[in-house]
Every structure is written in C-alpha cells, then in structure tokens.
Amino acid sequence: IVAAMLEKYDIDEKTVRTDVKELLEL
C-alpha cells in the first residue's frame, strides 16, 4: 500500500507510512 501511494502521490515515505498505518488501525 505504501509503495502504491508513493507511486501515485508526491509525498515523502515517512508521512505515507504514518498515514497508512493510522488508516489500517482504524
């Protein structure tokens, strides 16, 4: 999921990992 997000959006990996982890926990 992180890899797909990094490919689609112009954002740093640390932010993506944090956001993905938060959504998955929810």
mmCIF file of all heavy atoms, coordinates in Angstrom:
data_MODEL
# 
_entry.id   MODEL 
# 
loop_
_atom_site.group_PDB 
_atom_site.id 
_atom_site.type_symbol 
_atom_site.label_atom_id 
_atom_site.label_alt_id 
_atom_site.label_comp_id 
_atom_site.label_asym_id 
_atom_site.label_entity_id 
_atom_site.label_seq_id 
_atom_site.pdbx_PDB_ins_code 
_atom_site.Cartn_x 
_atom_site.Cartn_y 
_atom_site.Cartn_z 
_atom_site.occupancy 
_atom_site.B_iso_or_equiv 
_atom_site.pdbx_formal_charge 
_atom_site.auth_seq_id 
_atom_site.auth_comp_id 
_atom_site.auth_asym_id 
_atom_site.auth_atom_id 
_atom_site.pdbx_PDB_model_num 
ATOM 1   N N   . ILE A 1 1  ? 0.843   -1.199 0.000   1.00 0.00 ? 1  ILE A N   1 
ATOM 2   C CA  . ILE A 1 1  ? 0.000   0.000  0.000   1.00 0.00 ? 1  ILE A CA  1 
ATOM 3   C C   . ILE A 1 1  ? 0.874   1.244  0.000   1.00 0.00 ? 1  ILE A C   1 
ATOM 4   O O   . ILE A 1 1  ? 0.633   2.186  -0.760  1.00 0.00 ? 1  ILE A O   1 
ATOM 5   C CB  . ILE A 1 1  ? -0.972  -0.007 1.195   1.00 0.00 ? 1  ILE A CB  1 
ATOM 6   C CG1 . ILE A 1 1  ? -1.958  -1.162 1.065   1.00 0.00 ? 1  ILE A CG1 1 
ATOM 7   C CG2 . ILE A 1 1  ? -1.709  1.335  1.309   1.00 0.00 ? 1  ILE A CG2 1 
ATOM 8   C CD1 . ILE A 1 1  ? -2.791  -1.422 2.304   1.00 0.00 ? 1  ILE A CD1 1 
ATOM 9   N N   . VAL A 1 2  ? 1.902   1.242  0.829   1.00 0.00 ? 2  VAL A N   1 
ATOM 10  C CA  . VAL A 1 2  ? 2.833   2.372  0.872   1.00 0.00 ? 2  VAL A CA  1 
ATOM 11  C C   . VAL A 1 2  ? 3.473   2.575  -0.501  1.00 0.00 ? 2  VAL A C   1 
ATOM 12  O O   . VAL A 1 2  ? 3.543   3.705  -0.999  1.00 0.00 ? 2  VAL A O   1 
ATOM 13  C CB  . VAL A 1 2  ? 3.903   2.171  1.967   1.00 0.00 ? 2  VAL A CB  1 
ATOM 14  C CG1 . VAL A 1 2  ? 5.033   3.183  1.824   1.00 0.00 ? 2  VAL A CG1 1 
ATOM 15  C CG2 . VAL A 1 2  ? 3.265   2.268  3.351   1.00 0.00 ? 2  VAL A CG2 1 
ATOM 16  N N   . ALA A 1 3  ? 3.910   1.504  -1.134  1.00 0.00 ? 3  ALA A N   1 
ATOM 17  C CA  . ALA A 1 3  ? 4.546   1.608  -2.460  1.00 0.00 ? 3  ALA A CA  1 
ATOM 18  C C   . ALA A 1 3  ? 3.573   2.199  -3.483  1.00 0.00 ? 3  ALA A C   1 
ATOM 19  O O   . ALA A 1 3  ? 3.950   3.064  -4.284  1.00 0.00 ? 3  ALA A O   1 
ATOM 20  C CB  . ALA A 1 3  ? 5.039   0.239  -2.912  1.00 0.00 ? 3  ALA A CB  1 
ATOM 21  N N   . ALA A 1 4  ? 2.324   1.754  -3.460  1.00 0.00 ? 4  ALA A N   1 
ATOM 22  C CA  . ALA A 1 4  ? 1.325   2.280  -4.393  1.00 0.00 ? 4  ALA A CA  1 
ATOM 23  C C   . ALA A 1 4  ? 1.059   3.761  -4.130  1.00 0.00 ? 4  ALA A C   1 
ATOM 24  O O   . ALA A 1 4  ? 0.893   4.548  -5.077  1.00 0.00 ? 4  ALA A O   1 
ATOM 25  C CB  . ALA A 1 4  ? 0.033   1.474  -4.280  1.00 0.00 ? 4  ALA A CB  1 
ATOM 26  N N   . MET A 1 5  ? 1.022   4.139  -2.864  1.00 0.00 ? 5  MET A N   1 
ATOM 27  C CA  . MET A 1 5  ? 0.809   5.542  -2.514  1.00 0.00 ? 5  MET A CA  1 
ATOM 28  C C   . MET A 1 5  ? 1.972   6.412  -2.980  1.00 0.00 ? 5  MET A C   1 
ATOM 29  O O   . MET A 1 5  ? 1.761   7.502  -3.504  1.00 0.00 ? 5  MET A O   1 
ATOM 30  C CB  . MET A 1 5  ? 0.634   5.675  -0.998  1.00 0.00 ? 5  MET A CB  1 
ATOM 31  C CG  . MET A 1 5  ? -0.589  4.997  -0.438  1.00 0.00 ? 5  MET A CG  1 
ATOM 32  S SD  . MET A 1 5  ? -2.102  5.868  -0.810  1.00 0.00 ? 5  MET A SD  1 
ATOM 33  C CE  . MET A 1 5  ? -1.882  7.319  0.170   1.00 0.00 ? 5  MET A CE  1 
ATOM 34  N N   . LEU A 1 6  ? 3.180   5.916  -2.795  1.00 0.00 ? 6  LEU A N   1 
ATOM 35  C CA  . LEU A 1 6  ? 4.357   6.679  -3.221  1.00 0.00 ? 6  LEU A CA  1 
ATOM 36  C C   . LEU A 1 6  ? 4.385   6.848  -4.734  1.00 0.00 ? 6  LEU A C   1 
ATOM 37  O O   . LEU A 1 6  ? 4.848   7.880  -5.237  1.00 0.00 ? 6  LEU A O   1 
ATOM 38  C CB  . LEU A 1 6  ? 5.642   5.996  -2.735  1.00 0.00 ? 6  LEU A CB  1 
ATOM 39  C CG  . LEU A 1 6  ? 5.895   6.062  -1.233  1.00 0.00 ? 6  LEU A CG  1 
ATOM 40  C CD1 . LEU A 1 6  ? 7.071   5.184  -0.846  1.00 0.00 ? 6  LEU A CD1 1 
ATOM 41  C CD2 . LEU A 1 6  ? 6.124   7.507  -0.793  1.00 0.00 ? 6  LEU A CD2 1 
ATOM 42  N N   . GLU A 1 7  ? 3.894   5.843  -5.436  1.00 0.00 ? 7  GLU A N   1 
ATOM 43  C CA  . GLU A 1 7  ? 3.844   5.921  -6.895  1.00 0.00 ? 7  GLU A CA  1 
ATOM 44  C C   . GLU A 1 7  ? 2.783   6.913  -7.367  1.00 0.00 ? 7  GLU A C   1 
ATOM 45  O O   . GLU A 1 7  ? 2.980   7.632  -8.334  1.00 0.00 ? 7  GLU A O   1 
ATOM 46  C CB  . GLU A 1 7  ? 3.552   4.538  -7.471  1.00 0.00 ? 7  GLU A CB  1 
ATOM 47  C CG  . GLU A 1 7  ? 3.656   4.479  -8.978  1.00 0.00 ? 7  GLU A CG  1 
ATOM 48  C CD  . GLU A 1 7  ? 3.503   3.064  -9.488  1.00 0.00 ? 7  GLU A CD  1 
ATOM 49  O OE1 . GLU A 1 7  ? 4.167   2.150  -8.957  1.00 0.00 ? 7  GLU A OE1 1 
ATOM 50  O OE2 . GLU A 1 7  ? 2.705   2.890  -10.423 1.00 0.00 ? 7  GLU A OE2 1 
ATOM 51  N N   . LYS A 1 8  ? 1.674   6.969  -6.662  1.00 0.00 ? 8  LYS A N   1 
ATOM 52  C CA  . LYS A 1 8  ? 0.550   7.818  -7.082  1.00 0.00 ? 8  LYS A CA  1 
ATOM 53  C C   . LYS A 1 8  ? 0.690   9.265  -6.633  1.00 0.00 ? 8  LYS A C   1 
ATOM 54  O O   . LYS A 1 8  ? 0.320   10.184 -7.355  1.00 0.00 ? 8  LYS A O   1 
ATOM 55  C CB  . LYS A 1 8  ? -0.762  7.240  -6.555  1.00 0.00 ? 8  LYS A CB  1 
ATOM 56  C CG  . LYS A 1 8  ? -1.992  8.015  -7.016  1.00 0.00 ? 8  LYS A CG  1 
ATOM 57  C CD  . LYS A 1 8  ? -3.261  7.276  -6.674  1.00 0.00 ? 8  LYS A CD  1 
ATOM 58  C CE  . LYS A 1 8  ? -4.497  8.037  -7.047  1.00 0.00 ? 8  LYS A CE  1 
ATOM 59  N NZ  . LYS A 1 8  ? -4.739  8.130  -8.471  1.00 0.00 ? 8  LYS A NZ  1 
ATOM 60  N N   . TYR A 1 9  ? 1.194   9.472  -5.426  1.00 0.00 ? 9  TYR A N   1 
ATOM 61  C CA  . TYR A 1 9  ? 1.225   10.808 -4.840  1.00 0.00 ? 9  TYR A CA  1 
ATOM 62  C C   . TYR A 1 9  ? 2.658   11.288 -4.636  1.00 0.00 ? 9  TYR A C   1 
ATOM 63  O O   . TYR A 1 9  ? 3.560   10.504 -4.368  1.00 0.00 ? 9  TYR A O   1 
ATOM 64  C CB  . TYR A 1 9  ? 0.502   10.821 -3.487  1.00 0.00 ? 9  TYR A CB  1 
ATOM 65  C CG  . TYR A 1 9  ? -0.950  10.450 -3.584  1.00 0.00 ? 9  TYR A CG  1 
ATOM 66  C CD1 . TYR A 1 9  ? -1.388  9.172  -3.232  1.00 0.00 ? 9  TYR A CD1 1 
ATOM 67  C CD2 . TYR A 1 9  ? -1.893  11.362 -4.038  1.00 0.00 ? 9  TYR A CD2 1 
ATOM 68  C CE1 . TYR A 1 9  ? -2.736  8.832  -3.321  1.00 0.00 ? 9  TYR A CE1 1 
ATOM 69  C CE2 . TYR A 1 9  ? -3.234  11.026 -4.131  1.00 0.00 ? 9  TYR A CE2 1 
ATOM 70  C CZ  . TYR A 1 9  ? -3.646  9.757  -3.774  1.00 0.00 ? 9  TYR A CZ  1 
ATOM 71  O OH  . TYR A 1 9  ? -4.964  9.408  -3.866  1.00 0.00 ? 9  TYR A OH  1 
ATOM 72  N N   . ASP A 1 10 ? 2.837   12.593 -4.719  1.00 0.00 ? 10 ASP A N   1 
ATOM 73  C CA  . ASP A 1 10 ? 4.136   13.210 -4.483  1.00 0.00 ? 10 ASP A CA  1 
ATOM 74  C C   . ASP A 1 10 ? 4.236   13.566 -2.996  1.00 0.00 ? 10 ASP A C   1 
ATOM 75  O O   . ASP A 1 10 ? 3.888   14.668 -2.584  1.00 0.00 ? 10 ASP A O   1 
ATOM 76  C CB  . ASP A 1 10 ? 4.288   14.459 -5.346  1.00 0.00 ? 10 ASP A CB  1 
ATOM 77  C CG  . ASP A 1 10 ? 5.642   15.126 -5.186  1.00 0.00 ? 10 ASP A CG  1 
ATOM 78  O OD1 . ASP A 1 10 ? 6.616   14.419 -4.836  1.00 0.00 ? 10 ASP A OD1 1 
ATOM 79  O OD2 . ASP A 1 10 ? 5.727   16.352 -5.402  1.00 0.00 ? 10 ASP A OD2 1 
ATOM 80  N N   . ILE A 1 11 ? 4.687   12.575 -2.212  1.00 0.00 ? 11 ILE A N   1 
ATOM 81  C CA  . ILE A 1 11 ? 4.742   12.731 -0.761  1.00 0.00 ? 11 ILE A CA  1 
ATOM 82  C C   . ILE A 1 11 ? 5.881   11.867 -0.223  1.00 0.00 ? 11 ILE A C   1 
ATOM 83  O O   . ILE A 1 11 ? 6.273   10.892 -0.850  1.00 0.00 ? 11 ILE A O   1 
ATOM 84  C CB  . ILE A 1 11 ? 3.378   12.342 -0.131  1.00 0.00 ? 11 ILE A CB  1 
ATOM 85  C CG1 . ILE A 1 11 ? 3.298   12.759 1.328   1.00 0.00 ? 11 ILE A CG1 1 
ATOM 86  C CG2 . ILE A 1 11 ? 3.087   10.888 -0.318  1.00 0.00 ? 11 ILE A CG2 1 
ATOM 87  C CD1 . ILE A 1 11 ? 1.897   12.705 1.890   1.00 0.00 ? 11 ILE A CD1 1 
ATOM 88  N N   . ASP A 1 12 ? 6.403   12.247 0.917   1.00 0.00 ? 12 ASP A N   1 
ATOM 89  C CA  . ASP A 1 12 ? 7.541   11.507 1.467   1.00 0.00 ? 12 ASP A CA  1 
ATOM 90  C C   . ASP A 1 12 ? 7.087   10.201 2.124   1.00 0.00 ? 12 ASP A C   1 
ATOM 91  O O   . ASP A 1 12 ? 5.946   10.080 2.584   1.00 0.00 ? 12 ASP A O   1 
ATOM 92  C CB  . ASP A 1 12 ? 8.315   12.368 2.469   1.00 0.00 ? 12 ASP A CB  1 
ATOM 93  C CG  . ASP A 1 12 ? 7.503   12.683 3.704   1.00 0.00 ? 12 ASP A CG  1 
ATOM 94  O OD1 . ASP A 1 12 ? 6.630   13.572 3.625   1.00 0.00 ? 12 ASP A OD1 1 
ATOM 95  O OD2 . ASP A 1 12 ? 7.722   12.022 4.741   1.00 0.00 ? 12 ASP A OD2 1 
ATOM 96  N N   . GLU A 1 13 ? 7.981   9.228  2.153   1.00 0.00 ? 13 GLU A N   1 
ATOM 97  C CA  . GLU A 1 13 ? 7.651   7.895  2.653   1.00 0.00 ? 13 GLU A CA  1 
ATOM 98  C C   . GLU A 1 13 ? 7.256   7.891  4.118   1.00 0.00 ? 13 GLU A C   1 
ATOM 99  O O   . GLU A 1 13 ? 6.333   7.164  4.510   1.00 0.00 ? 13 GLU A O   1 
ATOM 100 C CB  . GLU A 1 13 ? 8.820   6.936  2.421   1.00 0.00 ? 13 GLU A CB  1 
ATOM 101 C CG  . GLU A 1 13 ? 8.484   5.517  2.808   1.00 0.00 ? 13 GLU A CG  1 
ATOM 102 C CD  . GLU A 1 13 ? 9.551   4.508  2.455   1.00 0.00 ? 13 GLU A CD  1 
ATOM 103 O OE1 . GLU A 1 13 ? 10.479  4.840  1.700   1.00 0.00 ? 13 GLU A OE1 1 
ATOM 104 O OE2 . GLU A 1 13 ? 9.454   3.371  2.941   1.00 0.00 ? 13 GLU A OE2 1 
ATOM 105 N N   . LYS A 1 14 ? 7.896   8.707  4.938   1.00 0.00 ? 14 LYS A N   1 
ATOM 106 C CA  . LYS A 1 14 ? 7.572   8.722  6.364   1.00 0.00 ? 14 LYS A CA  1 
ATOM 107 C C   . LYS A 1 14 ? 6.110   9.135  6.588   1.00 0.00 ? 14 LYS A C   1 
ATOM 108 O O   . LYS A 1 14 ? 5.395   8.507  7.376   1.00 0.00 ? 14 LYS A O   1 
ATOM 109 C CB  . LYS A 1 14 ? 8.506   9.675  7.113   1.00 0.00 ? 14 LYS A CB  1 
ATOM 110 C CG  . LYS A 1 14 ? 8.269   9.703  8.602   1.00 0.00 ? 14 LYS A CG  1 
ATOM 111 C CD  . LYS A 1 14 ? 9.218   10.623 9.313   1.00 0.00 ? 14 LYS A CD  1 
ATOM 112 C CE  . LYS A 1 14 ? 8.918   10.615 10.805  1.00 0.00 ? 14 LYS A CE  1 
ATOM 113 N NZ  . LYS A 1 14 ? 9.751   11.553 11.541  1.00 0.00 ? 14 LYS A NZ  1 
ATOM 114 N N   . THR A 1 15 ? 5.672   10.159 5.874   1.00 0.00 ? 15 THR A N   1 
ATOM 115 C CA  . THR A 1 15 ? 4.287   10.616 6.002   1.00 0.00 ? 15 THR A CA  1 
ATOM 116 C C   . THR A 1 15 ? 3.318   9.541  5.518   1.00 0.00 ? 15 THR A C   1 
ATOM 117 O O   . THR A 1 15 ? 2.304   9.264  6.167   1.00 0.00 ? 15 THR A O   1 
ATOM 118 C CB  . THR A 1 15 ? 4.084   11.915 5.203   1.00 0.00 ? 15 THR A CB  1 
ATOM 119 O OG1 . THR A 1 15 ? 4.971   12.911 5.721   1.00 0.00 ? 15 THR A OG1 1 
ATOM 120 C CG2 . THR A 1 15 ? 2.643   12.409 5.302   1.00 0.00 ? 15 THR A CG2 1 
ATOM 121 N N   . VAL A 1 16 ? 3.639   8.921  4.377   1.00 0.00 ? 16 VAL A N   1 
ATOM 122 C CA  . VAL A 1 16 ? 2.781   7.873  3.830   1.00 0.00 ? 16 VAL A CA  1 
ATOM 123 C C   . VAL A 1 16 ? 2.658   6.720  4.819   1.00 0.00 ? 16 VAL A C   1 
ATOM 124 O O   . VAL A 1 16 ? 1.562   6.241  5.094   1.00 0.00 ? 16 VAL A O   1 
ATOM 125 C CB  . VAL A 1 16 ? 3.304   7.374  2.468   1.00 0.00 ? 16 VAL A CB  1 
ATOM 126 C CG1 . VAL A 1 16 ? 2.571   6.120  2.031   1.00 0.00 ? 16 VAL A CG1 1 
ATOM 127 C CG2 . VAL A 1 16 ? 3.166   8.449  1.421   1.00 0.00 ? 16 VAL A CG2 1 
ATOM 128 N N   . ARG A 1 17 ? 3.779   6.252  5.353   1.00 0.00 ? 17 ARG A N   1 
ATOM 129 C CA  . ARG A 1 17 ? 3.753   5.126  6.297   1.00 0.00 ? 17 ARG A CA  1 
ATOM 130 C C   . ARG A 1 17 ? 2.891   5.457  7.514   1.00 0.00 ? 17 ARG A C   1 
ATOM 131 O O   . ARG A 1 17 ? 2.109   4.630  7.979   1.00 0.00 ? 17 ARG A O   1 
ATOM 132 C CB  . ARG A 1 17 ? 5.156   4.734  6.729   1.00 0.00 ? 17 ARG A CB  1 
ATOM 133 C CG  . ARG A 1 17 ? 5.885   3.962  5.675   1.00 0.00 ? 17 ARG A CG  1 
ATOM 134 C CD  . ARG A 1 17 ? 7.065   3.175  6.233   1.00 0.00 ? 17 ARG A CD  1 
ATOM 135 N NE  . ARG A 1 17 ? 7.661   2.451  5.137   1.00 0.00 ? 17 ARG A NE  1 
ATOM 136 C CZ  . ARG A 1 17 ? 7.221   1.295  4.669   1.00 0.00 ? 17 ARG A CZ  1 
ATOM 137 N NH1 . ARG A 1 17 ? 6.183   0.716  5.226   1.00 0.00 ? 17 ARG A NH1 1 
ATOM 138 N NH2 . ARG A 1 17 ? 7.809   0.712  3.651   1.00 0.00 ? 17 ARG A NH2 1 
ATOM 139 N N   . THR A 1 18 ? 3.045   6.654  8.034   1.00 0.00 ? 18 THR A N   1 
ATOM 140 C CA  . THR A 1 18 ? 2.261   7.065  9.199   1.00 0.00 ? 18 THR A CA  1 
ATOM 141 C C   . THR A 1 18 ? 0.770   7.074  8.876   1.00 0.00 ? 18 THR A C   1 
ATOM 142 O O   . THR A 1 18 ? -0.050  6.542  9.636   1.00 0.00 ? 18 THR A O   1 
ATOM 143 C CB  . THR A 1 18 ? 2.709   8.460  9.681   1.00 0.00 ? 18 THR A CB  1 
ATOM 144 O OG1 . THR A 1 18 ? 4.098   8.403  10.031  1.00 0.00 ? 18 THR A OG1 1 
ATOM 145 C CG2 . THR A 1 18 ? 1.893   8.932  10.871  1.00 0.00 ? 18 THR A CG2 1 
ATOM 146 N N   . ASP A 1 19 ? 0.423   7.656  7.738   1.00 0.00 ? 19 ASP A N   1 
ATOM 147 C CA  . ASP A 1 19 ? -0.991  7.749  7.358   1.00 0.00 ? 19 ASP A CA  1 
ATOM 148 C C   . ASP A 1 19 ? -1.596  6.379  7.053   1.00 0.00 ? 19 ASP A C   1 
ATOM 149 O O   . ASP A 1 19 ? -2.728  6.096  7.451   1.00 0.00 ? 19 ASP A O   1 
ATOM 150 C CB  . ASP A 1 19 ? -1.153  8.674  6.147   1.00 0.00 ? 19 ASP A CB  1 
ATOM 151 C CG  . ASP A 1 19 ? -0.859  10.129 6.489   1.00 0.00 ? 19 ASP A CG  1 
ATOM 152 O OD1 . ASP A 1 19 ? -0.737  10.466 7.682   1.00 0.00 ? 19 ASP A OD1 1 
ATOM 153 O OD2 . ASP A 1 19 ? -0.752  10.935 5.540   1.00 0.00 ? 19 ASP A OD2 1 
ATOM 154 N N   . VAL A 1 20 ? -0.855  5.530  6.356   1.00 0.00 ? 20 VAL A N   1 
ATOM 155 C CA  . VAL A 1 20 ? -1.351  4.188  6.033   1.00 0.00 ? 20 VAL A CA  1 
ATOM 156 C C   . VAL A 1 20 ? -1.547  3.386  7.309   1.00 0.00 ? 20 VAL A C   1 
ATOM 157 O O   . VAL A 1 20 ? -2.581  2.742  7.498   1.00 0.00 ? 20 VAL A O   1 
ATOM 158 C CB  . VAL A 1 20 ? -0.405  3.461  5.047   1.00 0.00 ? 20 VAL A CB  1 
ATOM 159 C CG1 . VAL A 1 20 ? -0.725  1.974  4.953   1.00 0.00 ? 20 VAL A CG1 1 
ATOM 160 C CG2 . VAL A 1 20 ? -0.478  4.115  3.671   1.00 0.00 ? 20 VAL A CG2 1 
ATOM 161 N N   . LYS A 1 21 ? -0.572  3.449  8.198   1.00 0.00 ? 21 LYS A N   1 
ATOM 162 C CA  . LYS A 1 21 ? -0.675  2.711  9.460   1.00 0.00 ? 21 LYS A CA  1 
ATOM 163 C C   . LYS A 1 21 ? -1.906  3.169  10.252  1.00 0.00 ? 21 LYS A C   1 
ATOM 164 O O   . LYS A 1 21 ? -2.659  2.353  10.779  1.00 0.00 ? 21 LYS A O   1 
ATOM 165 C CB  . LYS A 1 21 ? 0.600   2.903  10.280  1.00 0.00 ? 21 LYS A CB  1 
ATOM 166 C CG  . LYS A 1 21 ? 0.652   2.093  11.535  1.00 0.00 ? 21 LYS A CG  1 
ATOM 167 C CD  . LYS A 1 21 ? 1.999   2.319  12.238  1.00 0.00 ? 21 LYS A CD  1 
ATOM 168 C CE  . LYS A 1 21 ? 2.237   1.306  13.300  1.00 0.00 ? 21 LYS A CE  1 
ATOM 169 N NZ  . LYS A 1 21 ? 2.662   0.014  12.807  1.00 0.00 ? 21 LYS A NZ  1 
ATOM 170 N N   . GLU A 1 22 ? -2.135  4.477  10.299  1.00 0.00 ? 22 GLU A N   1 
ATOM 171 C CA  . GLU A 1 22 ? -3.277  5.019  11.030  1.00 0.00 ? 22 GLU A CA  1 
ATOM 172 C C   . GLU A 1 22 ? -4.600  4.533  10.430  1.00 0.00 ? 22 GLU A C   1 
ATOM 173 O O   . GLU A 1 22 ? -5.509  4.112  11.161  1.00 0.00 ? 22 GLU A O   1 
ATOM 174 C CB  . GLU A 1 22 ? -3.218  6.544  10.998  1.00 0.00 ? 22 GLU A CB  1 
ATOM 175 C CG  . GLU A 1 22 ? -4.311  7.233  11.778  1.00 0.00 ? 22 GLU A CG  1 
ATOM 176 C CD  . GLU A 1 22 ? -4.174  8.743  11.720  1.00 0.00 ? 22 GLU A CD  1 
ATOM 177 O OE1 . GLU A 1 22 ? -3.079  9.269  11.993  1.00 0.00 ? 22 GLU A OE1 1 
ATOM 178 O OE2 . GLU A 1 22 ? -5.183  9.391  11.386  1.00 0.00 ? 22 GLU A OE2 1 
ATOM 179 N N   . LEU A 1 23 ? -4.720  4.571  9.112   1.00 0.00 ? 23 LEU A N   1 
ATOM 180 C CA  . LEU A 1 23 ? -5.951  4.117  8.476   1.00 0.00 ? 23 LEU A CA  1 
ATOM 181 C C   . LEU A 1 23 ? -6.158  2.621  8.689   1.00 0.00 ? 23 LEU A C   1 
ATOM 182 O O   . LEU A 1 23 ? -7.269  2.181  9.005   1.00 0.00 ? 23 LEU A O   1 
ATOM 183 C CB  . LEU A 1 23 ? -5.958  4.443  6.981   1.00 0.00 ? 23 LEU A CB  1 
ATOM 184 C CG  . LEU A 1 23 ? -7.211  3.983  6.234   1.00 0.00 ? 23 LEU A CG  1 
ATOM 185 C CD1 . LEU A 1 23 ? -8.480  4.617  6.801   1.00 0.00 ? 23 LEU A CD1 1 
ATOM 186 C CD2 . LEU A 1 23 ? -7.083  4.253  4.748   1.00 0.00 ? 23 LEU A CD2 1 
ATOM 187 N N   . LEU A 1 24 ? -5.108  1.826  8.546   1.00 0.00 ? 24 LEU A N   1 
ATOM 188 C CA  . LEU A 1 24 ? -5.241  0.379  8.738   1.00 0.00 ? 24 LEU A CA  1 
ATOM 189 C C   . LEU A 1 24 ? -5.650  0.042  10.162  1.00 0.00 ? 24 LEU A C   1 
ATOM 190 O O   . LEU A 1 24 ? -6.461  -0.858 10.390  1.00 0.00 ? 24 LEU A O   1 
ATOM 191 C CB  . LEU A 1 24 ? -3.948  -0.338 8.356   1.00 0.00 ? 24 LEU A CB  1 
ATOM 192 C CG  . LEU A 1 24 ? -3.596  -0.298 6.866   1.00 0.00 ? 24 LEU A CG  1 
ATOM 193 C CD1 . LEU A 1 24 ? -2.249  -0.969 6.625   1.00 0.00 ? 24 LEU A CD1 1 
ATOM 194 C CD2 . LEU A 1 24 ? -4.682  -0.920 6.016   1.00 0.00 ? 24 LEU A CD2 1 
ATOM 195 N N   . GLU A 1 25 ? -5.114  0.766  11.141  1.00 0.00 ? 25 GLU A N   1 
ATOM 196 C CA  . GLU A 1 25 ? -5.507  0.546  12.536  1.00 0.00 ? 25 GLU A CA  1 
ATOM 197 C C   . GLU A 1 25 ? -6.993  0.872  12.732  1.00 0.00 ? 25 GLU A C   1 
ATOM 198 O O   . GLU A 1 25 ? -7.710  0.153  13.427  1.00 0.00 ? 25 GLU A O   1 
ATOM 199 C CB  . GLU A 1 25 ? -4.648  1.381  13.475  1.00 0.00 ? 25 GLU A CB  1 
ATOM 200 C CG  . GLU A 1 25 ? -3.234  0.846  13.608  1.00 0.00 ? 25 GLU A CG  1 
ATOM 201 C CD  . GLU A 1 25 ? -2.315  1.736  14.433  1.00 0.00 ? 25 GLU A CD  1 
ATOM 202 O OE1 . GLU A 1 25 ? -2.771  2.787  14.956  1.00 0.00 ? 25 GLU A OE1 1 
ATOM 203 O OE2 . GLU A 1 25 ? -1.127  1.390  14.542  1.00 0.00 ? 25 GLU A OE2 1 
ATOM 204 N N   . LEU A 1 26 ? -7.459  1.937  12.087  1.00 0.00 ? 26 LEU A N   1 
ATOM 205 C CA  . LEU A 1 26 ? -8.875  2.293  12.175  1.00 0.00 ? 26 LEU A CA  1 
ATOM 206 C C   . LEU A 1 26 ? -9.745  1.206  11.543  1.00 0.00 ? 26 LEU A C   1 
ATOM 207 O O   . LEU A 1 26 ? -10.744 0.785  12.134  1.00 0.00 ? 26 LEU A O   1 
ATOM 208 C CB  . LEU A 1 26 ? -9.125  3.633  11.491  1.00 0.00 ? 26 LEU A CB  1 
ATOM 209 C CG  . LEU A 1 26 ? -10.587 4.069  11.433  1.00 0.00 ? 26 LEU A CG  1 
ATOM 210 C CD1 . LEU A 1 26 ? -11.135 4.313  12.836  1.00 0.00 ? 26 LEU A CD1 1 
ATOM 211 C CD2 . LEU A 1 26 ? -10.726 5.308  10.572  1.00 0.00 ? 26 LEU A CD2 1 
# 
